[in-house]
Amino acid sequence: MFRKKIKIKLDSFECNLLINGMNEFRNMLLAEDLPTEDVDELLLKLIDVYEK
């Protein structure tokens, strides 16, 4: 099964806001001892795109 890819355009402020929000969510998951693999993967993608 293939997943549909979605592209959105963000300015630097919006990208930073999204990265910070995802990081806060990851921290909440860690505090509750829940898995963070999916959030980690998405965060790495966001950071990679932002640095380009």
N, C-alpha and C. Protein backbone atom coordinates (compact mmCIF):
# COMPACT_ATOMS: atom_id res chain seq x y z
N MET A 1 0.85 -1.17 0.00
CA MET A 1 0.00 0.00 0.00
C MET A 1 0.90 1.25 0.00
N PHE A 2 0.57 2.18 -0.85
CA PHE A 2 1.34 3.42 -0.93
C PHE A 2 0.63 4.53 -0.16
N ARG A 3 1.43 5.36 0.48
CA ARG A 3 0.87 6.49 1.20
C ARG A 3 0.92 7.71 0.30
N LYS A 4 -0.09 8.53 0.39
CA LYS A 4 -0.13 9.76 -0.38
C LYS A 4 0.78 10.79 0.28
N LYS A 5 1.64 11.43 -0.52
CA LYS A 5 2.52 12.46 0.00
C LYS A 5 1.82 13.81 -0.14
N ILE A 6 2.00 14.63 0.88
CA ILE A 6 1.41 15.96 0.90
C ILE A 6 2.53 16.97 1.07
N LYS A 7 2.51 18.03 0.28
CA LYS A 7 3.51 19.09 0.40
C LYS A 7 2.81 20.36 0.85
N ILE A 8 3.43 21.05 1.81
CA ILE A 8 2.93 22.34 2.25
C ILE A 8 4.10 23.32 2.26
N LYS A 9 3.79 24.58 2.07
CA LYS A 9 4.82 25.60 2.11
C LYS A 9 4.71 26.35 3.43
N LEU A 10 5.84 26.47 4.13
CA LEU A 10 5.89 27.17 5.40
C LEU A 10 7.00 28.20 5.36
N ASP A 11 6.78 29.34 5.99
CA ASP A 11 7.89 30.28 6.15
C ASP A 11 8.70 29.84 7.37
N SER A 12 9.81 30.52 7.63
CA SER A 12 10.70 30.07 8.70
C SER A 12 10.01 30.11 10.07
N PHE A 13 9.17 31.11 10.31
CA PHE A 13 8.46 31.19 11.60
C PHE A 13 7.53 29.99 11.78
N GLU A 14 6.77 29.67 10.74
CA GLU A 14 5.83 28.56 10.82
C GLU A 14 6.56 27.23 11.00
N CYS A 15 7.69 27.08 10.31
CA CYS A 15 8.47 25.85 10.43
C CYS A 15 9.02 25.71 11.85
N ASN A 16 9.56 26.80 12.40
CA ASN A 16 10.06 26.77 13.77
C ASN A 16 8.94 26.44 14.76
N LEU A 17 7.78 27.02 14.55
CA LEU A 17 6.64 26.77 15.42
C LEU A 17 6.23 25.29 15.37
N LEU A 18 6.22 24.72 14.18
CA LEU A 18 5.87 23.31 14.03
C LEU A 18 6.91 22.40 14.68
N ILE A 19 8.18 22.70 14.48
CA ILE A 19 9.25 21.90 15.08
C ILE A 19 9.19 21.98 16.61
N ASN A 20 9.01 23.18 17.14
CA ASN A 20 8.93 23.34 18.60
C ASN A 20 7.71 22.63 19.17
N GLY A 21 6.58 22.70 18.48
CA GLY A 21 5.37 22.02 18.94
C GLY A 21 5.53 20.51 18.94
N MET A 22 6.15 19.99 17.88
CA MET A 22 6.39 18.55 17.81
C MET A 22 7.37 18.11 18.89
N ASN A 23 8.37 18.93 19.19
CA ASN A 23 9.33 18.60 20.24
C ASN A 23 8.66 18.59 21.61
N GLU A 24 7.76 19.56 21.86
CA GLU A 24 7.02 19.57 23.13
C GLU A 24 6.15 18.31 23.25
N PHE A 25 5.51 17.92 22.15
CA PHE A 25 4.69 16.71 22.16
C PHE A 25 5.56 15.48 22.45
N ARG A 26 6.76 15.43 21.84
CA ARG A 26 7.70 14.34 22.08
C ARG A 26 8.09 14.30 23.56
N ASN A 27 8.35 15.47 24.15
CA ASN A 27 8.71 15.52 25.56
C ASN A 27 7.57 15.01 26.44
N MET A 28 6.34 15.33 26.08
CA MET A 28 5.19 14.83 26.84
C MET A 28 5.11 13.31 26.76
N LEU A 29 5.35 12.76 25.56
CA LEU A 29 5.33 11.30 25.41
C LEU A 29 6.43 10.65 26.24
N LEU A 30 7.61 11.25 26.24
CA LEU A 30 8.71 10.72 27.04
C LEU A 30 8.38 10.75 28.53
N ALA A 31 7.76 11.82 28.99
CA ALA A 31 7.40 11.94 30.41
C ALA A 31 6.39 10.87 30.82
N GLU A 32 5.54 10.46 29.87
CA GLU A 32 4.54 9.43 30.16
C GLU A 32 5.03 8.04 29.78
N ASP A 33 6.31 7.93 29.41
CA ASP A 33 6.94 6.65 29.04
C ASP A 33 6.19 5.98 27.89
N LEU A 34 5.83 6.77 26.88
CA LEU A 34 5.16 6.26 25.69
C LEU A 34 6.13 6.27 24.51
N PRO A 35 5.89 5.46 23.49
CA PRO A 35 6.81 5.41 22.35
C PRO A 35 6.81 6.73 21.55
N THR A 36 7.99 7.09 21.07
CA THR A 36 8.14 8.35 20.33
C THR A 36 8.67 8.15 18.91
N GLU A 37 8.72 6.92 18.42
CA GLU A 37 9.34 6.65 17.13
C GLU A 37 8.71 7.45 15.99
N ASP A 38 7.39 7.49 15.93
CA ASP A 38 6.73 8.20 14.83
C ASP A 38 6.98 9.70 14.90
N VAL A 39 6.94 10.24 16.10
CA VAL A 39 7.20 11.68 16.28
C VAL A 39 8.66 11.99 15.95
N ASP A 40 9.56 11.10 16.36
CA ASP A 40 10.98 11.29 16.05
C ASP A 40 11.21 11.35 14.55
N GLU A 41 10.58 10.43 13.82
CA GLU A 41 10.74 10.36 12.37
C GLU A 41 10.23 11.65 11.71
N LEU A 42 9.08 12.11 12.14
CA LEU A 42 8.52 13.34 11.58
C LEU A 42 9.38 14.55 11.93
N LEU A 43 9.86 14.63 13.15
CA LEU A 43 10.74 15.72 13.56
C LEU A 43 12.01 15.76 12.72
N LEU A 44 12.61 14.61 12.49
CA LEU A 44 13.82 14.56 11.67
C LEU A 44 13.56 15.03 10.24
N LYS A 45 12.40 14.67 9.69
CA LYS A 45 12.04 15.13 8.35
C LYS A 45 11.87 16.65 8.32
N LEU A 46 11.19 17.18 9.32
CA LEU A 46 10.98 18.62 9.39
C LEU A 46 12.29 19.39 9.52
N ILE A 47 13.17 18.90 10.38
CA ILE A 47 14.46 19.56 10.59
C ILE A 47 15.29 19.49 9.32
N ASP A 48 15.27 18.35 8.66
CA ASP A 48 16.03 18.18 7.42
C ASP A 48 15.56 19.15 6.34
N VAL A 49 14.25 19.28 6.18
CA VAL A 49 13.70 20.20 5.18
C VAL A 49 14.01 21.64 5.55
N TYR A 50 13.93 21.98 6.83
CA TYR A 50 14.17 23.35 7.28
C TYR A 50 15.61 23.78 7.03
N GLU A 51 16.56 22.84 7.20
CA GLU A 51 17.97 23.18 7.04
C GLU A 51 18.37 23.37 5.58
N LYS A 52 17.59 22.89 4.64
CA LYS A 52 17.93 23.03 3.21
C LYS A 52 17.66 24.39 2.67
